[in-house]
Amino acid sequence: MPLQKLPTLEDFKELTGRTGLLSKLKTKNDLDQIFNALRLAQNPSMESYRKVVQACIAWLNVNTEARKSYEKVKTLLALANDYYIRTAELKYLNTQKESGNAVPIAPKPNLPFGRQLLEKKGGVARDVPRMGNQMSAGLGSEMQSRHWGPHVIQKIQPAYDRYKNQGGKLSIGAFADHIFLPNSEDDPNGKYLTGGRGTQNYGALKKEISEGVKYCTPEELKRFAVNVTNGALRGADNQPYDTQEKETHFSHKGWAIYVLGFDNNLYSNTHIVNIFHHSSFFGGGPVQCGGELCCYNGKLKYITNKTGHYRSSPKEFYRLLTFLKYHGVDLETVLACNNVDNFEWYTAQSMFEAQGNTPQGKAPESRGPIRL
């Protein structure tokens, strides 16, 4: 449907009673900022339409519906923003910065790591089951060059759905960059443009949307490597690995997230919502297992398979426990939890013996979330 024509400066002055004899009776000049913006919009451009949007919002925020011009300014705001969006579509339709559109996860071959550790049956060494190449439902988009955490998606998605329902043509990535972000900056409370999903902290939102969750390059990944030798954990700096100053959104202070990569190396870091996730280590690619761990001065204390991004089932957790045992970690001194819904903690050794499942016939060593 074609857009209604954007009023000229003279049109809008007439609509608001600022022409002829009526203008002499007006005692306020508070529409002048809007008039100046409309004067610029006589030369159509994204920036000139945005100036009109900004001027209208500034006026609406200090005036009430009792003003006769109130509805006229609201109508102008909506129309100017429509013009801004249409102009953005023309400019960015073929140069979209994508986000979403999941790429299928390629299967990984089974790895020989873990052979000889398990008991032999019939003289043949068995491999530890490998089930680590699946991700949570709805998060396959993390295979892209940029993705967002759930908190950012909750802000963007409703506004994008409205935009698409009205015939919008941009991808969600281009919409976020070129429409949602400017709207959020111009209307920080989300009262007029983003359906109540604006933000006062525009700088943080811009970083989260523009950059997405961090994806490590191979060189960057090395900084998060944790070497496990003779049962001791050491960071990339060769110092005893310690999580006392790290944090996760779920378990809070003293914890870190980890993944076991298909390179048979462990990686760990602080979890920062919308900035650094489990998927950050391998750029959204598959891993053998993911979760959270607590480590003091190189000694592993607690470990879970809690990750919202990867499906770390008992089979994956078993793979991780096998890795730790293979590298000399005394699993009798570590508490493990494979289900953070019930928070039952068992020795990692007993969970290893149960192949990552909850040990049968054994009472938990502890119950409930561990807050440090």
Protein backbone atom coordinates (compact mmCIF):
# COMPACT_ATOMS: atom_id res chain seq x y z
CA MET A 1 0.00 0.00 0.00
CA PRO A 2 1.49 3.38 -1.00
CA LEU A 3 2.50 5.71 1.80
CA GLN A 4 0.45 8.78 2.52
CA LYS A 5 2.35 11.85 1.38
CA LEU A 6 4.57 13.41 4.03
CA PRO A 7 3.25 16.92 4.67
CA THR A 8 5.41 19.83 3.62
CA LEU A 9 6.39 22.50 6.10
CA GLU A 10 3.55 24.75 4.94
CA ASP A 11 1.06 21.84 5.04
CA PHE A 12 1.92 21.08 8.65
CA LYS A 13 1.89 24.71 9.68
CA GLU A 14 -1.64 24.95 8.31
CA LEU A 15 -2.68 21.72 10.09
CA THR A 16 -1.48 23.12 13.40
CA GLY A 17 -2.90 26.60 12.94
CA ARG A 18 0.38 28.37 12.34
CA THR A 19 -0.55 30.21 9.12
CA GLY A 20 -2.45 33.39 8.37
CA LEU A 21 -4.33 35.18 11.15
CA LEU A 22 -4.38 32.06 13.35
CA SER A 23 -0.62 32.20 13.71
CA LYS A 24 -0.92 35.66 15.32
CA LEU A 25 -3.07 34.19 18.11
CA LYS A 26 -0.58 31.45 19.02
CA THR A 27 1.53 32.29 22.07
CA LYS A 28 3.81 29.22 21.97
CA ASN A 29 6.58 28.57 19.45
CA ASP A 30 7.31 25.02 20.67
CA LEU A 31 6.61 23.50 17.24
CA ASP A 32 9.54 25.34 15.70
CA GLN A 33 11.85 22.32 16.08
CA ILE A 34 9.42 20.20 14.08
CA PHE A 35 9.07 22.96 11.47
CA ASN A 36 12.87 23.08 11.10
CA ALA A 37 13.02 19.30 10.67
CA LEU A 38 10.28 19.39 8.02
CA ARG A 39 12.21 22.08 6.20
CA LEU A 40 15.19 19.68 6.00
CA ALA A 41 12.89 16.86 4.85
CA GLN A 42 12.13 18.80 1.70
CA ASN A 43 15.39 17.15 0.59
CA PRO A 44 14.39 13.48 1.16
CA SER A 45 16.93 11.28 2.95
CA MET A 46 17.10 8.81 5.84
CA GLU A 47 18.72 11.45 8.01
CA SER A 48 16.16 14.16 7.25
CA TYR A 49 13.24 11.82 8.02
CA ARG A 50 14.95 10.79 11.23
CA LYS A 51 15.26 14.45 12.26
CA VAL A 52 11.48 14.76 11.94
CA VAL A 53 11.03 11.62 14.07
CA GLN A 54 13.35 12.99 16.75
CA ALA A 55 11.64 16.38 16.79
CA CYS A 56 8.18 14.81 17.10
CA ILE A 57 9.23 12.55 19.99
CA ALA A 58 10.88 15.45 21.82
CA TRP A 59 7.64 17.45 21.50
CA LEU A 60 5.36 14.57 22.52
CA ASN A 61 7.44 13.86 25.62
CA VAL A 62 6.77 17.31 27.07
CA ASN A 63 3.18 17.84 25.93
CA THR A 64 -0.10 16.13 26.74
CA GLU A 65 -3.07 14.94 24.74
CA ALA A 66 -4.85 18.11 25.83
CA ARG A 67 -2.85 20.02 23.22
CA LYS A 68 -4.77 20.39 19.95
CA SER A 69 -1.62 19.56 18.01
CA TYR A 70 -0.95 16.34 19.92
CA GLU A 71 -2.63 13.88 17.52
CA LYS A 72 -1.27 15.73 14.48
CA VAL A 73 2.27 15.40 15.82
CA LYS A 74 1.73 11.68 16.57
CA THR A 75 0.48 11.16 13.01
CA LEU A 76 3.48 13.02 11.62
CA LEU A 77 5.82 10.91 13.77
CA ALA A 78 4.38 7.63 12.45
CA LEU A 79 4.48 8.84 8.87
CA ALA A 80 8.04 10.18 9.11
CA ASN A 81 9.20 6.89 10.62
CA ASP A 82 7.50 4.97 7.80
CA TYR A 83 9.40 7.10 5.31
CA TYR A 84 12.62 6.45 7.25
CA ILE A 85 11.98 2.68 7.13
CA ARG A 86 11.17 2.66 3.40
CA THR A 87 14.33 4.63 2.66
CA ALA A 88 16.38 2.24 4.80
CA GLU A 89 14.95 -0.71 2.87
CA LEU A 90 15.98 0.81 -0.43
CA LYS A 91 19.48 1.44 0.88
CA TYR A 92 20.16 -1.81 2.74
CA LEU A 93 18.03 -4.49 1.06
CA ASN A 94 20.95 -5.88 -0.93
CA THR A 95 23.65 -5.29 1.69
CA GLN A 96 22.11 -6.95 4.70
CA LYS A 97 24.14 -8.01 7.69
CA GLU A 98 22.47 -11.30 8.37
CA SER A 99 21.54 -12.99 11.59
CA GLY A 100 19.48 -16.15 11.85
CA ASN A 101 18.72 -18.67 9.10
CA ALA A 102 20.29 -21.69 10.71
CA VAL A 103 22.98 -23.67 8.93
CA PRO A 104 22.76 -27.43 9.57
CA ILE A 105 25.42 -28.66 11.98
CA ALA A 106 27.81 -31.00 10.22
CA PRO A 107 28.37 -34.31 12.01
CA LYS A 108 31.79 -34.95 13.51
CA PRO A 109 33.56 -38.31 13.21
CA ASN A 110 33.93 -40.38 16.35
CA LEU A 111 37.24 -39.74 18.07
CA PRO A 112 39.70 -42.32 19.43
CA PHE A 113 40.18 -40.41 22.70
CA GLY A 114 39.24 -42.58 25.68
CA ARG A 115 40.16 -45.98 24.26
CA GLN A 116 42.02 -48.18 26.74
CA LEU A 117 40.47 -46.28 29.65
CA LEU A 118 37.29 -48.34 29.69
CA GLU A 119 37.43 -52.02 30.48
CA LYS A 120 37.95 -54.26 27.49
CA LYS A 121 35.29 -56.73 26.53
CA GLY A 122 36.33 -59.69 24.48
CA GLY A 123 39.77 -58.18 24.11
CA VAL A 124 38.46 -55.16 22.16
CA ALA A 125 38.87 -51.63 23.53
CA ARG A 126 35.68 -49.62 23.43
CA ASP A 127 35.46 -45.95 22.66
CA VAL A 128 33.62 -43.51 24.87
CA PRO A 129 30.27 -42.59 23.23
CA ARG A 130 30.42 -39.32 21.32
CA MET A 131 27.14 -37.40 21.12
CA GLY A 132 28.21 -33.78 21.17
CA ASN A 133 27.12 -32.30 17.86
CA GLN A 134 23.62 -31.10 18.67
CA MET A 135 22.32 -27.77 19.89
CA SER A 136 19.26 -26.57 21.73
CA ALA A 137 16.06 -26.12 19.74
CA GLY A 138 15.74 -22.68 18.18
CA LEU A 139 19.40 -21.80 18.65
CA GLY A 140 20.75 -23.20 15.39
CA SER A 141 21.16 -19.59 14.24
CA GLU A 142 24.32 -19.52 16.32
CA MET A 143 26.11 -21.10 13.39
CA GLN A 144 25.99 -17.68 11.74
CA SER A 145 28.73 -15.07 11.81
CA ARG A 146 26.66 -13.15 14.34
CA HIS A 147 24.00 -14.22 16.79
CA TRP A 148 22.27 -12.78 19.80
CA GLY A 149 21.58 -14.04 23.27
CA PRO A 150 17.96 -14.65 24.35
CA HIS A 151 17.70 -11.33 26.20
CA VAL A 152 18.49 -9.38 23.03
CA ILE A 153 16.15 -11.53 20.94
CA GLN A 154 13.33 -10.81 23.41
CA LYS A 155 13.80 -7.11 22.67
CA ILE A 156 14.09 -7.36 18.89
CA GLN A 157 11.74 -10.16 17.87
CA PRO A 158 8.35 -8.56 18.71
CA ALA A 159 9.30 -5.35 16.89
CA TYR A 160 10.59 -7.36 13.93
CA ASP A 161 7.40 -9.42 13.78
CA ARG A 162 5.30 -6.26 13.59
CA TYR A 163 7.60 -4.90 10.89
CA LYS A 164 7.31 -8.08 8.80
CA ASN A 165 3.53 -8.21 9.26
CA GLN A 166 3.37 -4.72 7.78
CA GLY A 167 5.27 -5.84 4.68
CA GLY A 168 8.85 -5.23 5.82
CA LYS A 169 11.51 -6.67 3.54
CA LEU A 170 14.75 -6.58 5.54
CA SER A 171 16.22 -9.56 7.37
CA ILE A 172 16.14 -9.44 11.15
CA GLY A 173 19.84 -8.54 11.15
CA ALA A 174 19.42 -5.57 8.83
CA PHE A 175 16.25 -4.52 10.65
CA ALA A 176 18.09 -4.55 13.97
CA ASP A 177 21.03 -2.53 12.64
CA HIS A 178 19.25 0.06 10.56
CA ILE A 179 15.76 0.39 12.08
CA PHE A 180 15.54 -1.03 15.60
CA LEU A 181 18.76 0.58 16.84
CA PRO A 182 17.97 4.10 15.53
CA ASN A 183 14.40 3.80 16.86
CA SER A 184 15.74 2.75 20.26
CA GLU A 185 18.13 5.69 20.35
CA ASP A 186 15.45 8.20 19.33
CA ASP A 187 12.78 6.73 21.61
CA PRO A 188 14.66 5.28 24.62
CA ASN A 189 11.49 4.42 26.54
CA GLY A 190 9.98 2.56 23.58
CA LYS A 191 6.79 4.58 23.95
CA TYR A 192 6.26 5.32 20.28
CA LEU A 193 8.54 3.25 18.02
CA THR A 194 9.62 -0.09 19.49
CA GLY A 195 6.49 -1.30 21.25
CA GLY A 196 7.72 -0.52 24.75
CA ARG A 197 11.03 -2.28 24.16
CA GLY A 198 13.32 0.69 24.09
CA THR A 199 16.30 1.00 26.39
CA GLN A 200 17.87 3.76 28.43
CA ASN A 201 21.25 2.04 28.03
CA TYR A 202 21.53 2.49 24.30
CA GLY A 203 25.31 2.07 24.24
CA ALA A 204 25.12 -1.45 25.67
CA LEU A 205 22.26 -2.42 23.35
CA LYS A 206 24.17 -1.15 20.32
CA LYS A 207 27.19 -3.26 21.24
CA GLU A 208 25.07 -6.35 21.85
CA ILE A 209 23.20 -6.02 18.56
CA SER A 210 26.04 -4.84 16.33
CA GLU A 211 28.60 -7.37 17.52
CA GLY A 212 26.39 -10.21 18.77
CA VAL A 213 27.78 -12.90 21.05
CA LYS A 214 31.56 -13.23 20.74
CA TYR A 215 32.84 -15.88 18.34
CA CYS A 216 36.48 -16.81 18.90
CA THR A 217 39.02 -17.09 16.13
CA PRO A 218 41.44 -20.03 16.46
CA GLU A 219 44.03 -17.65 17.91
CA GLU A 220 41.57 -16.18 20.40
CA LEU A 221 40.44 -19.65 21.45
CA LYS A 222 43.93 -20.42 22.74
CA ARG A 223 43.50 -17.82 25.49
CA PHE A 224 40.75 -19.92 27.07
CA ALA A 225 42.47 -23.31 26.91
CA VAL A 226 42.67 -25.24 30.20
CA ASN A 227 45.38 -27.89 30.28
CA VAL A 228 44.61 -30.93 32.44
CA THR A 229 47.75 -32.85 33.44
CA ASN A 230 48.17 -35.28 36.32
CA GLY A 231 44.82 -34.15 37.69
CA ALA A 232 45.72 -30.44 37.88
CA LEU A 233 44.06 -27.74 35.78
CA ARG A 234 46.21 -24.94 34.39
CA GLY A 235 45.11 -21.95 32.31
CA ALA A 236 46.67 -20.70 29.09
CA ASP A 237 49.10 -18.66 31.22
CA ASN A 238 50.31 -21.95 32.79
CA GLN A 239 49.06 -20.79 36.20
CA PRO A 240 46.74 -23.01 38.28
CA TYR A 241 43.26 -22.47 36.92
CA ASP A 242 40.98 -20.71 39.39
CA THR A 243 37.36 -19.55 38.99
CA GLN A 244 37.06 -17.52 42.20
CA GLU A 245 37.01 -14.25 40.23
CA LYS A 246 34.88 -15.63 37.41
CA GLU A 247 31.09 -15.80 37.18
CA THR A 248 28.19 -17.39 35.31
CA HIS A 249 24.65 -16.12 34.93
CA PHE A 250 23.24 -19.34 36.38
CA SER A 251 25.62 -20.28 39.21
CA HIS A 252 26.98 -16.78 39.88
CA LYS A 253 30.32 -15.93 41.50
CA GLY A 254 33.07 -18.52 41.64
CA TRP A 255 31.94 -20.47 38.58
CA ALA A 256 32.91 -20.51 34.90
CA ILE A 257 31.50 -22.06 31.75
CA TYR A 258 33.43 -24.75 29.88
CA VAL A 259 33.31 -26.79 26.70
CA LEU A 260 35.18 -29.92 25.67
CA GLY A 261 36.09 -29.42 22.02
CA PHE A 262 36.42 -32.01 19.32
CA ASP A 263 40.15 -31.29 19.49
CA ASN A 264 40.03 -33.07 22.87
CA ASN A 265 40.91 -29.89 24.74
CA LEU A 266 39.04 -28.16 27.53
CA TYR A 267 38.18 -24.45 27.31
CA SER A 268 36.74 -22.22 30.02
CA ASN A 269 35.87 -18.57 30.68
CA THR A 270 33.54 -16.22 32.51
CA HIS A 271 29.98 -16.21 31.14
CA ILE A 272 28.72 -12.76 30.07
CA VAL A 273 25.08 -12.70 28.98
CA ASN A 274 24.72 -11.58 25.33
CA ILE A 275 28.51 -11.20 25.05
CA PHE A 276 30.26 -14.52 25.79
CA HIS A 277 28.41 -17.85 25.79
CA HIS A 278 29.23 -21.54 25.50
CA SER A 279 28.90 -21.12 21.74
CA SER A 280 31.63 -18.44 21.76
CA PHE A 281 34.54 -20.85 22.02
CA PHE A 282 33.97 -22.67 18.72
CA GLY A 283 31.97 -20.01 16.90
CA GLY A 284 28.63 -21.77 17.28
CA GLY A 285 30.05 -25.08 16.10
CA PRO A 286 29.48 -28.42 17.83
CA VAL A 287 31.34 -29.50 20.96
CA GLN A 288 31.60 -32.79 22.84
CA CYS A 289 30.18 -31.40 26.08
CA GLY A 290 29.46 -28.09 27.76
CA GLY A 291 28.58 -26.97 31.25
CA GLU A 292 29.82 -25.10 34.30
CA LEU A 293 32.71 -25.78 36.64
CA CYS A 294 34.21 -24.51 39.87
CA CYS A 295 37.97 -24.77 40.33
CA TYR A 296 40.25 -23.53 43.16
CA ASN A 297 43.97 -23.17 42.59
CA GLY A 298 44.02 -25.80 39.86
CA LYS A 299 41.88 -28.30 41.76
CA LEU A 300 38.46 -29.10 40.29
CA LYS A 301 35.70 -28.93 42.94
CA TYR A 302 32.32 -29.01 41.16
CA ILE A 303 31.16 -29.66 37.62
CA THR A 304 27.80 -29.75 35.81
CA ASN A 305 26.47 -30.19 32.28
CA LYS A 306 24.41 -26.96 32.52
CA THR A 307 24.35 -25.17 29.17
CA GLY A 308 21.46 -23.46 27.43
CA HIS A 309 23.14 -23.66 24.03
CA TYR A 310 24.25 -27.26 23.65
CA ARG A 311 22.37 -30.42 24.52
CA SER A 312 24.74 -31.94 27.04
CA SER A 313 22.99 -35.17 27.95
CA PRO A 314 24.38 -37.83 30.33
CA LYS A 315 26.20 -39.32 27.32
CA GLU A 316 28.04 -36.06 26.69
CA PHE A 317 28.69 -35.65 30.40
CA TYR A 318 30.15 -39.15 30.50
CA ARG A 319 32.52 -38.14 27.73
CA LEU A 320 33.64 -35.16 29.82
CA LEU A 321 34.08 -37.24 32.99
CA THR A 322 36.08 -39.76 30.98
CA PHE A 323 38.31 -36.97 29.70
CA LEU A 324 38.97 -35.78 33.25
CA LYS A 325 39.73 -39.28 34.54
CA TYR A 326 41.94 -39.96 31.54
CA HIS A 327 44.01 -36.93 32.51
CA GLY A 328 44.39 -37.89 36.12
CA VAL A 329 41.64 -35.97 37.91
CA ASP A 330 40.61 -37.78 41.12
CA LEU A 331 36.87 -37.95 40.50
CA GLU A 332 36.26 -39.03 44.11
CA THR A 333 37.14 -35.49 45.21
CA VAL A 334 34.84 -33.77 42.68
CA LEU A 335 31.07 -33.32 43.05
CA ALA A 336 29.07 -33.59 39.82
CA CYS A 337 25.48 -32.77 38.88
CA ASN A 338 23.90 -33.92 35.61
CA ASN A 339 20.49 -32.32 36.20
CA VAL A 340 20.25 -28.78 37.54
CA ASP A 341 16.47 -29.16 37.76
CA ASN A 342 16.78 -31.44 40.78
CA PHE A 343 20.29 -30.41 41.94
CA GLU A 344 21.47 -33.73 43.29
CA TRP A 345 25.24 -33.89 43.68
CA TYR A 346 27.18 -37.14 43.53
CA THR A 347 30.88 -37.82 43.42
CA ALA A 348 32.05 -37.52 39.84
CA GLN A 349 33.48 -41.03 40.20
CA SER A 350 30.08 -42.56 40.96
CA MET A 351 28.57 -40.64 38.06
CA PHE A 352 31.40 -41.83 35.82
CA GLU A 353 30.65 -45.42 36.86
CA ALA A 354 27.00 -44.79 35.92
CA GLN A 355 28.22 -43.55 32.49
CA GLY A 356 27.03 -40.00 33.10
CA ASN A 357 23.66 -41.01 34.49
CA THR A 358 22.40 -40.57 38.04
CA PRO A 359 23.90 -43.36 40.19
CA GLN A 360 21.28 -45.86 41.24
CA GLY A 361 21.02 -46.95 44.86
CA LYS A 362 23.26 -44.14 46.13
CA ALA A 363 22.20 -41.16 48.19
CA PRO A 364 23.31 -37.76 46.91
CA GLU A 365 26.30 -36.21 48.62
CA SER A 366 24.50 -32.87 48.60
CA ARG A 367 21.33 -31.23 47.30
CA GLY A 368 20.52 -27.79 45.99
CA PRO A 369 22.41 -25.14 44.00
CA ILE A 370 25.92 -24.39 45.21
CA ARG A 371 26.46 -20.64 45.64
CA LEU A 372 30.00 -19.57 46.41
